[in-house]
Amino acid sequence: MKFALVVGARPNFVKAAPVLGTLERRGADVVLVHTGQHFDAALSDVFFQRLCLPKPHYHLGVGAGTRGEQFGEIVRSLAQLLPQIKVDEVIVVGDVTSTAASAVAADNCDIPLSHVEAGLRSFDLSMPEERNRKIVDVLASRHFVSEPSGVTNLLREGHDPSQIHLVGNVMIDTLFRFRDEARVAAPWLRYGVREQAYAVATLHRPNNVDTPEALDEALRMLELVAYRYPVLFSVHPRTALRLRAFGLSVPERVRILDPLDYLDFIGLMLGARVVLTDSGGVQEETTAMAVPCLTMRENTERPITVEKGSSRLIGRSVERVAVLLDEIEAGAFDCGLGIPLWDGKASERIAEVLLQAKTTNAAHQRKL
């Protein structure tokens, strides 16, 4: 049995690294394909190096373009490649454009598809990621789920229970692998701030950055936090473009940082008093690190981070931020408990399912 593992964007790399490593350690034949959706070195090359991902066997070189242009080019390129490399199953991770396009390509080539991080739902179809998640799960023949809500969602949508596997969170596998190294590096010292005396911020979602009004509101939120703690604002390229286009400047005590190396970003979150974000992945990472996370969204596809973790949904509510900052300063902010199966072993459980399926298929072929 031969697998194609397809990645394309920074969140994919963090989630795919443990899956690839575990499958290869257990003797599986895995072809790594990079679509090139994230082509900037700061969002691609440095992540491959840091996560010890090997050079991709194939790089599709999709590059810049609209979401539709990237989607179409990935489908076209993969539909040509997959039959040539003769894989038995395609594995995709997450919910980015590359994930959905790769699922469509696999379906068009009649190749079984596994989705890592299946079943997550925000129920907000204005989000491209939500539409991607639904597309991939409709096409997948195997669903690897990170939290119980994913199982509930997939069953509600009519998926076969035998195709659904609650395995835990592969992003946490990577986090646990690098956590100690990130803390020892103490990256906050490079920015002249003290541990537990600063905030980290990251914003990139369209509803927070794609209009001058929304982005200005988000900056005012950071300004409120900056009255209490200096804010280290890791600016996504998308957000940087909007800041320039709208002629907006960041408030005082909010320091703009270029996109960060994975280890640096994890280290900054570990040392922070509070994190502000609209990233689903950061919600998960802060929950696993027990760091207060103020999530600038009205909904989340990762409800367990709110129910049992350290994330609080605040939208762009100044009042909500003020209340939660008071709780943090008073030591009354509940960071929750450990989440079952978020133990650094999700990729092992995924490999077990995939390789067991290989054994079962081989036995079936022998009987035939």
Protein backbone atom coordinates (compact mmCIF):
# COMPACT_ATOMS: atom_id res chain seq x y z
CA MET A 1 0.00 0.00 0.00
CA LYS A 2 1.42 3.35 -1.08
CA PHE A 3 0.24 6.69 0.32
CA ALA A 4 0.38 10.21 -1.10
CA LEU A 5 0.43 12.84 1.64
CA VAL A 6 -0.48 16.25 0.18
CA VAL A 7 0.39 19.54 1.89
CA GLY A 8 0.33 23.14 0.75
CA ALA A 9 0.19 25.69 3.58
CA ARG A 10 1.78 26.38 6.93
CA PRO A 11 -0.97 24.71 9.04
CA ASN A 12 -0.64 21.58 6.87
CA PHE A 13 3.07 21.24 7.56
CA VAL A 14 2.64 21.22 11.35
CA LYS A 15 -0.10 18.57 11.15
CA ALA A 16 1.47 16.43 8.43
CA ALA A 17 4.95 16.14 9.99
CA PRO A 18 4.04 13.60 12.71
CA VAL A 19 1.84 11.58 10.33
CA LEU A 20 4.64 11.31 7.77
CA GLY A 21 7.27 10.52 10.38
CA THR A 22 5.21 7.82 12.07
CA LEU A 23 4.18 6.10 8.85
CA GLU A 24 7.76 6.04 7.58
CA ARG A 25 9.09 4.70 10.90
CA ARG A 26 6.60 1.88 10.57
CA GLY A 27 7.78 1.02 7.09
CA ALA A 28 5.07 2.63 4.98
CA ASP A 29 5.77 4.00 1.51
CA VAL A 30 4.74 7.68 1.59
CA VAL A 31 5.05 10.15 -1.29
CA LEU A 32 5.10 13.76 -0.04
CA VAL A 33 3.48 16.27 -2.43
CA HIS A 34 3.68 20.04 -1.87
CA THR A 35 1.14 22.05 -3.87
CA GLY A 36 3.02 25.33 -3.40
CA GLN A 37 -0.05 27.19 -2.07
CA HIS A 38 2.24 28.86 0.47
CA PHE A 39 5.28 29.69 -1.63
CA ASP A 40 6.79 32.39 0.61
CA ALA A 41 9.97 31.06 2.26
CA ALA A 42 8.82 32.34 5.67
CA LEU A 43 5.62 30.29 5.41
CA SER A 44 7.04 27.21 3.70
CA ASP A 45 10.78 26.56 3.52
CA VAL A 46 11.58 27.44 7.13
CA PHE A 47 8.75 25.23 8.34
CA PHE A 48 10.04 22.25 6.38
CA GLN A 49 13.47 22.81 7.91
CA ARG A 50 12.26 23.29 11.47
CA LEU A 51 9.83 20.36 11.40
CA CYS A 52 12.47 18.10 9.80
CA LEU A 53 10.17 17.41 6.87
CA PRO A 54 12.04 15.90 3.91
CA LYS A 55 12.18 17.62 0.56
CA PRO A 56 8.87 16.91 -1.18
CA HIS A 57 8.98 14.19 -3.81
CA TYR A 58 6.83 16.46 -5.99
CA HIS A 59 6.29 20.22 -5.87
CA LEU A 60 3.37 21.45 -7.96
CA GLY A 61 4.48 25.10 -7.87
CA VAL A 62 0.97 26.56 -7.76
CA GLY A 63 2.14 29.87 -6.32
CA ALA A 64 0.15 33.09 -6.11
CA GLY A 65 -3.37 33.54 -7.39
CA THR A 66 -6.95 33.76 -6.26
CA ARG A 67 -8.39 30.92 -4.24
CA GLY A 68 -10.23 29.69 -7.35
CA GLU A 69 -7.10 29.84 -9.49
CA GLN A 70 -5.08 27.91 -6.93
CA PHE A 71 -7.88 25.36 -6.50
CA GLY A 72 -8.16 24.71 -10.22
CA GLU A 73 -4.42 24.43 -10.75
CA ILE A 74 -4.02 21.97 -7.86
CA VAL A 75 -6.84 19.76 -9.17
CA ARG A 76 -5.38 19.81 -12.69
CA SER A 77 -1.81 19.06 -11.58
CA LEU A 78 -2.73 16.32 -9.11
CA ALA A 79 -5.14 14.67 -11.53
CA GLN A 80 -2.15 14.22 -13.85
CA LEU A 81 0.32 13.22 -11.12
CA LEU A 82 -1.63 10.72 -9.01
CA PRO A 83 -2.17 8.10 -11.75
CA GLN A 84 1.52 8.33 -12.66
CA ILE A 85 2.80 7.63 -9.15
CA LYS A 86 0.23 4.86 -8.60
CA VAL A 87 -0.77 5.47 -4.98
CA ASP A 88 -3.41 3.42 -3.19
CA GLU A 89 -4.63 6.20 -0.90
CA VAL A 90 -4.36 9.98 -0.62
CA ILE A 91 -4.01 11.61 2.82
CA VAL A 92 -4.93 15.27 3.34
CA VAL A 93 -4.84 17.34 6.52
CA GLY A 94 -6.77 20.36 7.74
CA ASP A 95 -9.02 22.68 5.77
CA VAL A 96 -7.01 24.94 3.45
CA THR A 97 -7.47 25.32 -0.32
CA SER A 98 -4.88 22.61 -0.98
CA THR A 99 -6.80 20.17 1.22
CA ALA A 100 -10.10 20.58 -0.65
CA ALA A 101 -8.53 20.65 -4.10
CA SER A 102 -6.50 17.52 -3.37
CA ALA A 103 -9.67 15.75 -2.22
CA VAL A 104 -11.39 16.60 -5.51
CA ALA A 105 -8.38 15.39 -7.49
CA ALA A 106 -8.25 12.09 -5.58
CA ASP A 107 -11.97 11.60 -6.18
CA ASN A 108 -11.60 12.29 -9.89
CA CYS A 109 -8.85 9.66 -10.02
CA ASP A 110 -10.97 7.17 -8.03
CA ILE A 111 -8.36 6.95 -5.29
CA PRO A 112 -9.53 6.48 -1.66
CA LEU A 113 -9.07 9.54 0.55
CA SER A 114 -8.24 9.91 4.24
CA HIS A 115 -8.92 13.23 5.99
CA VAL A 116 -6.88 14.07 9.06
CA GLU A 117 -8.77 16.58 11.26
CA ALA A 118 -12.15 15.55 9.89
CA GLY A 119 -15.57 16.58 11.17
CA LEU A 120 -14.76 20.02 12.55
CA ARG A 121 -17.58 22.50 11.95
CA SER A 122 -18.05 26.19 12.74
CA PHE A 123 -21.46 26.15 10.97
CA ASP A 124 -20.44 29.43 9.35
CA LEU A 125 -20.46 28.94 5.59
CA SER A 126 -19.06 32.43 5.03
CA MET A 127 -15.69 30.91 6.01
CA PRO A 128 -13.82 29.31 3.09
CA GLU A 129 -12.36 26.81 5.55
CA GLU A 130 -15.83 25.62 6.54
CA ARG A 131 -16.76 24.99 2.93
CA ASN A 132 -13.45 23.17 2.42
CA ARG A 133 -14.06 20.94 5.45
CA LYS A 134 -17.47 19.89 4.16
CA ILE A 135 -16.17 19.19 0.65
CA VAL A 136 -13.34 17.01 1.94
CA ASP A 137 -15.49 15.03 4.35
CA VAL A 138 -18.08 14.27 1.66
CA LEU A 139 -15.32 12.78 -0.51
CA ALA A 140 -13.27 11.03 2.19
CA SER A 141 -13.55 7.30 2.79
CA ARG A 142 -11.71 7.52 6.11
CA HIS A 143 -12.12 10.27 8.72
CA PHE A 144 -9.53 10.89 11.44
CA VAL A 145 -11.11 13.10 14.10
CA SER A 146 -9.39 15.30 16.69
CA GLU A 147 -12.25 15.94 19.16
CA PRO A 148 -15.66 14.43 20.01
CA SER A 149 -17.65 17.18 18.27
CA GLY A 150 -16.17 15.96 14.99
CA VAL A 151 -17.63 12.50 15.52
CA THR A 152 -21.03 13.99 16.33
CA ASN A 153 -20.97 16.17 13.23
CA LEU A 154 -19.98 13.36 10.89
CA LEU A 155 -22.66 11.01 12.25
CA ARG A 156 -25.26 13.77 11.91
CA GLU A 157 -24.22 14.19 8.28
CA GLY A 158 -24.78 10.49 7.63
CA HIS A 159 -21.24 9.14 7.47
CA ASP A 160 -20.61 5.46 8.11
CA PRO A 161 -19.48 5.02 11.75
CA SER A 162 -16.89 2.46 10.65
CA GLN A 163 -15.15 5.22 8.66
CA ILE A 164 -14.85 7.55 11.67
CA HIS A 165 -11.82 7.28 13.98
CA LEU A 166 -11.37 9.54 17.03
CA VAL A 167 -7.58 9.63 17.22
CA GLY A 168 -6.69 12.94 18.87
CA ASN A 169 -4.90 16.00 17.58
CA VAL A 170 -1.80 15.66 15.38
CA MET A 171 -0.97 19.35 15.87
CA ILE A 172 -0.44 18.56 19.54
CA ASP A 173 1.94 15.74 18.56
CA THR A 174 4.18 18.36 16.94
CA LEU A 175 3.74 20.82 19.81
CA PHE A 176 4.79 18.26 22.42
CA ARG A 177 7.78 17.29 20.31
CA PHE A 178 9.16 20.85 20.30
CA ARG A 179 7.67 22.36 23.47
CA ASP A 180 10.67 21.98 25.77
CA GLU A 181 13.11 23.23 23.14
CA ALA A 182 10.89 26.26 22.49
CA ARG A 183 10.71 27.17 26.17
CA VAL A 184 14.46 26.85 26.70
CA ALA A 185 15.06 29.16 23.71
CA ALA A 186 13.14 31.92 25.58
CA PRO A 187 12.44 33.96 22.42
CA TRP A 188 10.73 36.74 24.40
CA LEU A 189 14.18 37.91 25.53
CA ARG A 190 14.97 38.94 21.94
CA TYR A 191 12.06 41.37 22.04
CA GLY A 192 12.94 42.95 25.37
CA VAL A 193 9.90 41.66 27.28
CA ARG A 194 9.63 39.58 30.43
CA GLU A 195 8.07 36.15 30.64
CA GLN A 196 4.38 36.35 31.66
CA ALA A 197 4.44 40.12 31.14
CA TYR A 198 3.47 40.44 27.46
CA ALA A 199 0.75 39.42 25.00
CA VAL A 200 1.00 37.67 21.63
CA ALA A 201 -1.42 38.47 18.79
CA THR A 202 -2.09 37.04 15.34
CA LEU A 203 -4.94 37.89 12.95
CA HIS A 204 -5.64 36.80 9.39
CA ARG A 205 -9.31 35.85 8.89
CA PRO A 206 -11.29 37.87 6.33
CA ASN A 207 -13.94 39.08 8.78
CA ASN A 208 -11.21 40.66 10.91
CA VAL A 209 -8.87 42.08 8.28
CA ASP A 210 -10.59 42.45 4.90
CA THR A 211 -12.36 45.77 5.52
CA PRO A 212 -10.91 48.98 6.98
CA GLU A 213 -13.63 49.07 9.64
CA ALA A 214 -13.05 45.51 10.86
CA LEU A 215 -9.27 45.78 10.88
CA ASP A 216 -9.40 49.13 12.67
CA GLU A 217 -11.68 47.59 15.32
CA ALA A 218 -9.25 44.69 15.72
CA LEU A 219 -6.35 47.12 16.17
CA ARG A 220 -8.32 48.98 18.84
CA MET A 221 -8.70 45.66 20.66
CA LEU A 222 -4.94 45.21 20.60
CA GLU A 223 -4.56 48.78 21.84
CA LEU A 224 -6.72 47.99 24.86
CA VAL A 225 -4.54 44.98 25.69
CA ALA A 226 -1.40 47.06 25.15
CA TYR A 227 -2.40 49.38 28.00
CA ARG A 228 -1.68 46.41 30.29
CA TYR A 229 0.91 44.35 28.42
CA PRO A 230 3.18 45.05 25.45
CA VAL A 231 1.77 43.18 22.44
CA LEU A 232 3.93 41.17 20.03
CA PHE A 233 1.86 41.08 16.83
CA SER A 234 2.97 38.38 14.38
CA VAL A 235 1.57 39.76 11.14
CA HIS A 236 0.42 37.34 8.46
CA PRO A 237 1.27 38.49 4.88
CA ARG A 238 -2.45 38.85 4.19
CA THR A 239 -2.86 41.19 7.16
CA ALA A 240 0.25 43.18 6.25
CA LEU A 241 -1.20 43.82 2.78
CA ARG A 242 -4.46 45.07 4.29
CA LEU A 243 -2.68 47.38 6.74
CA ARG A 244 -0.83 49.04 3.88
CA ALA A 245 -3.85 49.16 1.57
CA PHE A 246 -6.07 50.76 4.23
CA GLY A 247 -3.37 53.14 5.50
CA LEU A 248 -3.75 51.87 9.06
CA SER A 249 -1.00 51.90 11.64
CA VAL A 250 -0.68 49.77 14.75
CA PRO A 251 -1.09 51.38 18.20
CA GLU A 252 1.81 52.20 20.48
CA ARG A 253 3.18 49.27 22.50
CA VAL A 254 2.02 46.93 19.72
CA ARG A 255 5.13 45.65 17.99
CA ILE A 256 4.86 44.19 14.50
CA LEU A 257 6.79 40.97 13.93
CA ASP A 258 7.33 39.28 10.59
CA PRO A 259 5.94 35.72 10.24
CA LEU A 260 7.78 33.64 12.80
CA ASP A 261 9.63 30.37 12.73
CA TYR A 262 7.51 27.61 14.31
CA LEU A 263 9.78 27.22 17.34
CA ASP A 264 9.87 30.97 17.97
CA PHE A 265 6.09 31.28 17.79
CA ILE A 266 5.51 28.34 20.12
CA GLY A 267 8.07 29.76 22.52
CA LEU A 268 6.44 33.20 22.51
CA MET A 269 3.04 31.66 23.28
CA LEU A 270 4.51 29.56 26.09
CA GLY A 271 5.94 32.67 27.74
CA ALA A 272 2.93 34.94 27.16
CA ARG A 273 0.43 36.16 29.73
CA VAL A 274 -2.32 36.06 27.10
CA VAL A 275 -2.73 35.29 23.39
CA LEU A 276 -5.20 37.02 21.05
CA THR A 277 -5.97 35.25 17.79
CA ASP A 278 -8.52 34.25 15.18
CA SER A 279 -6.61 31.05 14.34
CA GLY A 280 -8.15 27.68 15.09
CA GLY A 281 -4.73 26.08 15.42
CA VAL A 282 -3.61 28.63 18.00
CA GLN A 283 -6.77 27.89 20.00
CA GLU A 284 -5.66 24.27 20.15
CA GLU A 285 -2.02 25.00 20.95
CA THR A 286 -2.80 27.45 23.75
CA THR A 287 -5.26 24.94 25.22
CA ALA A 288 -2.56 22.26 25.26
CA MET A 289 -0.15 24.77 26.88
CA ALA A 290 -2.74 26.11 29.37
CA VAL A 291 -2.20 29.68 28.14
CA PRO A 292 -5.20 32.10 28.21
CA CYS A 293 -6.46 32.60 24.66
CA LEU A 294 -8.88 35.36 23.64
CA THR A 295 -10.29 34.23 20.30
CA MET A 296 -11.46 37.12 18.12
CA ARG A 297 -14.29 35.18 16.50
CA GLU A 298 -18.01 34.68 17.10
CA ASN A 299 -17.79 30.92 16.50
CA THR A 300 -15.28 28.11 16.41
CA GLU A 301 -14.97 24.74 14.74
CA ARG A 302 -12.98 23.59 17.78
CA PRO A 303 -15.56 23.84 20.58
CA ILE A 304 -13.59 21.64 22.95
CA THR A 305 -11.03 24.46 23.31
CA VAL A 306 -13.83 26.59 24.80
CA GLU A 307 -15.62 23.84 26.72
CA LYS A 308 -12.54 22.26 28.31
CA GLY A 309 -9.62 24.44 27.25
CA SER A 310 -8.28 27.95 27.62
CA SER A 311 -10.03 29.66 24.67
CA ARG A 312 -12.77 32.29 25.09
CA LEU A 313 -14.75 33.62 22.12
CA ILE A 314 -14.76 37.41 22.22
CA GLY A 315 -15.47 38.57 18.66
CA ARG A 316 -14.30 42.19 18.68
CA SER A 317 -15.97 43.05 21.99
CA VAL A 318 -13.96 45.60 23.97
CA GLU A 319 -16.09 44.93 27.06
CA ARG A 320 -15.43 41.18 26.89
CA VAL A 321 -11.68 41.73 26.56
CA ALA A 322 -11.60 44.02 29.59
CA VAL A 323 -13.46 41.51 31.77
CA LEU A 324 -11.22 38.62 30.76
CA LEU A 325 -8.03 40.63 31.24
CA ASP A 326 -9.20 41.39 34.77
CA GLU A 327 -9.71 37.65 35.33
CA ILE A 328 -6.23 36.89 34.03
CA GLU A 329 -4.62 39.49 36.29
CA ALA A 330 -6.59 38.22 39.27
CA GLY A 331 -5.53 34.63 38.59
CA ALA A 332 -9.18 33.66 38.08
CA PHE A 333 -8.97 32.65 34.40
CA ASP A 334 -9.72 28.93 34.09
CA CYS A 335 -7.41 27.29 31.56
CA GLY A 336 -9.27 24.00 31.77
CA LEU A 337 -8.10 20.42 31.99
CA GLY A 338 -6.16 18.16 29.70
CA ILE A 339 -8.19 16.94 26.71
CA PRO A 340 -8.40 13.17 26.17
CA LEU A 341 -6.24 11.87 23.30
CA TRP A 342 -4.37 15.17 23.02
CA ASP A 343 -1.36 13.29 24.31
CA GLY A 344 1.18 13.50 21.49
CA LYS A 345 0.24 10.07 20.10
CA ALA A 346 -2.47 10.88 17.55
CA SER A 347 -0.21 10.03 14.60
CA GLU A 348 0.45 6.60 16.11
CA ARG A 349 -3.27 5.91 16.20
CA ILE A 350 -3.66 7.11 12.61
CA ALA A 351 -0.84 4.85 11.43
CA GLU A 352 -2.39 1.92 13.26
CA VAL A 353 -5.67 2.36 11.38
CA LEU A 354 -4.01 2.84 7.98
CA LEU A 355 -1.60 -0.06 8.34
CA GLN A 356 -4.28 -2.33 9.76
CA ALA A 357 -6.35 -1.54 6.68
CA LYS A 358 -3.35 -2.52 4.56
CA THR A 359 -3.08 -5.86 6.39
CA THR A 360 -6.81 -6.50 6.03
CA ASN A 361 -6.73 -5.69 2.30
CA ALA A 362 -3.75 -7.98 1.77
CA ALA A 363 -5.49 -10.84 3.56
CA HIS A 364 -8.59 -10.29 1.47
CA GLN A 365 -6.54 -10.40 -1.74
CA ARG A 366 -4.91 -13.68 -0.67
CA LYS A 367 -8.35 -15.26 -0.16
CA LEU A 368 -9.38 -14.13 -3.64
